[in-house]
Amino acid sequence: EQKKFAPELLKPTRIYVREVLPLIERFPVKGIAHITGGAFYEKLTKILPPGKCFAMNKGSWPVPKIFQIIQKKGTIKDREMFRTFNMGIGLAIVVAAKDVAAVRAFLRRQKTGHYLIGEVINDKKNKIIFN
């Protein structure tokens, strides 16, 4: 069973330059985070201004089966999974709420898969929460 997951686990990191450059030329992007080691808790929260928090909507994107298997077989808590793995989100782009519809339409025209995974909220205590 381990051998069948090796190719998935050894996939190289995807680079998003082709998708991101046209986007940032057309829209005022507030932040970009490549979700790699450190994943959501370390990488994504670095782009937040003080007093703000990411409210992430679990279930708003499909989590790849490999992560589901790792979590189940290892009895790993959600927080640890989101701290360690990208859970299927390779890159997060933050835009103003008023620009979301236009950005999503642009990404669809570019045939770039994407998900609306959360929002930035006021919160002085937390940097990221998962609903």
Protein backbone atom coordinates (compact mmCIF):
# COMPACT_ATOMS: atom_id res chain seq x y z
CA GLU A 1 0.00 0.00 0.00
CA GLN A 2 2.84 2.43 0.76
CA LYS A 3 4.24 2.10 -2.77
CA LYS A 4 0.98 3.19 -4.36
CA PHE A 5 1.10 6.50 -2.44
CA ALA A 6 4.76 7.25 -3.11
CA PRO A 7 4.16 9.02 -6.47
CA GLU A 8 1.53 11.24 -4.86
CA LEU A 9 3.75 12.11 -1.91
CA LEU A 10 6.78 12.81 -4.11
CA LYS A 11 5.07 15.15 -6.58
CA PRO A 12 7.12 18.30 -7.07
CA THR A 13 5.76 21.60 -5.80
CA ARG A 14 3.60 23.32 -8.38
CA ILE A 15 4.69 26.79 -9.45
CA TYR A 16 1.83 29.21 -10.20
CA VAL A 17 3.59 32.00 -12.13
CA ARG A 18 1.57 31.54 -15.34
CA GLU A 19 -1.69 31.82 -13.43
CA VAL A 20 -0.70 34.61 -11.05
CA LEU A 21 1.07 37.14 -13.29
CA PRO A 22 -1.97 37.93 -15.46
CA LEU A 23 -4.11 38.10 -12.33
CA ILE A 24 -1.93 40.61 -10.50
CA GLU A 25 -1.69 42.74 -13.65
CA ARG A 26 -5.48 43.13 -13.67
CA PHE A 27 -6.54 43.11 -10.02
CA PRO A 28 -5.33 44.66 -6.75
CA VAL A 29 -4.15 41.52 -4.97
CA LYS A 30 -3.74 42.03 -1.21
CA GLY A 31 -1.65 38.92 -0.55
CA ILE A 32 -0.40 35.63 -1.95
CA ALA A 33 0.77 32.60 0.01
CA HIS A 34 2.24 29.43 -1.48
CA ILE A 35 0.92 26.76 0.88
CA THR A 36 3.88 24.41 1.40
CA GLY A 37 5.59 23.22 4.60
CA GLY A 38 4.06 25.06 7.52
CA ALA A 39 0.88 25.16 5.50
CA PHE A 40 -1.99 27.31 6.67
CA TYR A 41 -0.91 28.27 10.19
CA GLU A 42 2.54 29.55 9.26
CA LYS A 43 2.49 30.47 5.57
CA LEU A 44 -0.94 31.96 5.12
CA THR A 45 -1.02 33.96 8.34
CA LYS A 46 2.19 35.80 7.45
CA ILE A 47 0.29 37.98 4.98
CA LEU A 48 -2.30 39.21 7.51
CA PRO A 49 -2.28 42.74 8.89
CA PRO A 50 -2.59 43.11 12.68
CA GLY A 51 -6.08 42.58 14.08
CA LYS A 52 -7.20 40.42 11.15
CA CYS A 53 -7.90 36.70 10.92
CA PHE A 54 -8.58 34.20 8.17
CA ALA A 55 -11.92 32.45 8.63
CA MET A 56 -11.51 29.31 6.51
CA ASN A 57 -14.45 27.21 5.37
CA LYS A 58 -13.55 23.54 5.63
CA GLY A 59 -15.41 21.64 2.95
CA SER A 60 -15.27 24.50 0.44
CA TRP A 61 -12.67 22.56 -1.57
CA PRO A 62 -12.03 18.85 -2.12
CA VAL A 63 -9.29 17.46 0.13
CA PRO A 64 -7.21 14.94 -1.85
CA LYS A 65 -7.70 11.35 -0.81
CA ILE A 66 -4.05 10.97 0.22
CA PHE A 67 -4.57 13.45 3.06
CA GLN A 68 -7.75 11.74 4.17
CA ILE A 69 -5.92 8.42 4.35
CA ILE A 70 -2.95 9.90 6.23
CA GLN A 71 -5.27 11.52 8.74
CA LYS A 72 -7.33 8.39 9.30
CA LYS A 73 -4.44 5.91 9.50
CA GLY A 74 -2.40 8.21 11.72
CA THR A 75 -5.36 9.38 13.82
CA ILE A 76 -4.17 12.93 13.24
CA LYS A 77 -6.25 15.90 14.40
CA ASP A 78 -7.47 18.48 11.90
CA ARG A 79 -5.26 21.22 13.35
CA GLU A 80 -2.12 19.13 12.80
CA MET A 81 -3.16 18.23 9.25
CA PHE A 82 -3.71 21.91 8.37
CA ARG A 83 -0.46 22.86 10.10
CA THR A 84 1.58 20.26 8.21
CA PHE A 85 -0.05 19.71 4.80
CA ASN A 86 -1.56 21.96 2.16
CA MET A 87 -4.72 19.81 2.15
CA GLY A 88 -5.12 20.40 -1.58
CA ILE A 89 -4.63 24.18 -1.61
CA GLY A 90 -1.36 25.01 -3.30
CA LEU A 91 -1.68 28.77 -3.44
CA ALA A 92 -3.92 31.25 -1.65
CA ILE A 93 -4.65 34.63 -3.18
CA VAL A 94 -6.29 37.32 -1.09
CA VAL A 95 -8.40 40.00 -2.75
CA ALA A 96 -10.92 42.53 -1.49
CA ALA A 97 -14.47 41.22 -1.13
CA LYS A 98 -15.61 43.65 -3.84
CA ASP A 99 -13.18 41.99 -6.33
CA VAL A 100 -14.00 38.34 -5.62
CA ALA A 101 -16.63 37.87 -8.37
CA ALA A 102 -14.45 39.53 -11.04
CA VAL A 103 -11.35 37.57 -10.00
CA ARG A 104 -13.27 34.29 -10.06
CA ALA A 105 -14.70 35.11 -13.52
CA PHE A 106 -11.19 35.91 -14.74
CA LEU A 107 -9.83 32.61 -13.37
CA ARG A 108 -12.67 30.69 -15.02
CA ARG A 109 -11.88 32.36 -18.37
CA GLN A 110 -8.24 31.35 -17.89
CA LYS A 111 -9.39 27.78 -17.10
CA THR A 112 -7.64 28.01 -13.73
CA GLY A 113 -9.21 25.82 -11.06
CA HIS A 114 -9.91 27.71 -7.87
CA TYR A 115 -12.07 27.75 -4.74
CA LEU A 116 -13.40 30.46 -2.48
CA ILE A 117 -12.04 29.04 0.78
CA GLY A 118 -12.59 31.77 3.31
CA GLU A 119 -12.55 35.42 4.19
CA VAL A 120 -10.60 37.92 6.25
CA ILE A 121 -12.36 39.01 9.43
CA ASN A 122 -11.57 41.27 12.37
CA ASP A 123 -10.10 39.23 15.22
CA LYS A 124 -7.31 40.40 17.52
CA LYS A 125 -6.92 37.00 19.21
CA ASN A 126 -6.70 34.52 16.31
CA LYS A 127 -4.82 34.53 13.02
CA ILE A 128 -6.73 31.65 11.45
CA ILE A 129 -9.85 29.68 12.29
CA PHE A 130 -11.48 26.79 10.50
CA ASN A 131 -15.28 26.56 10.38
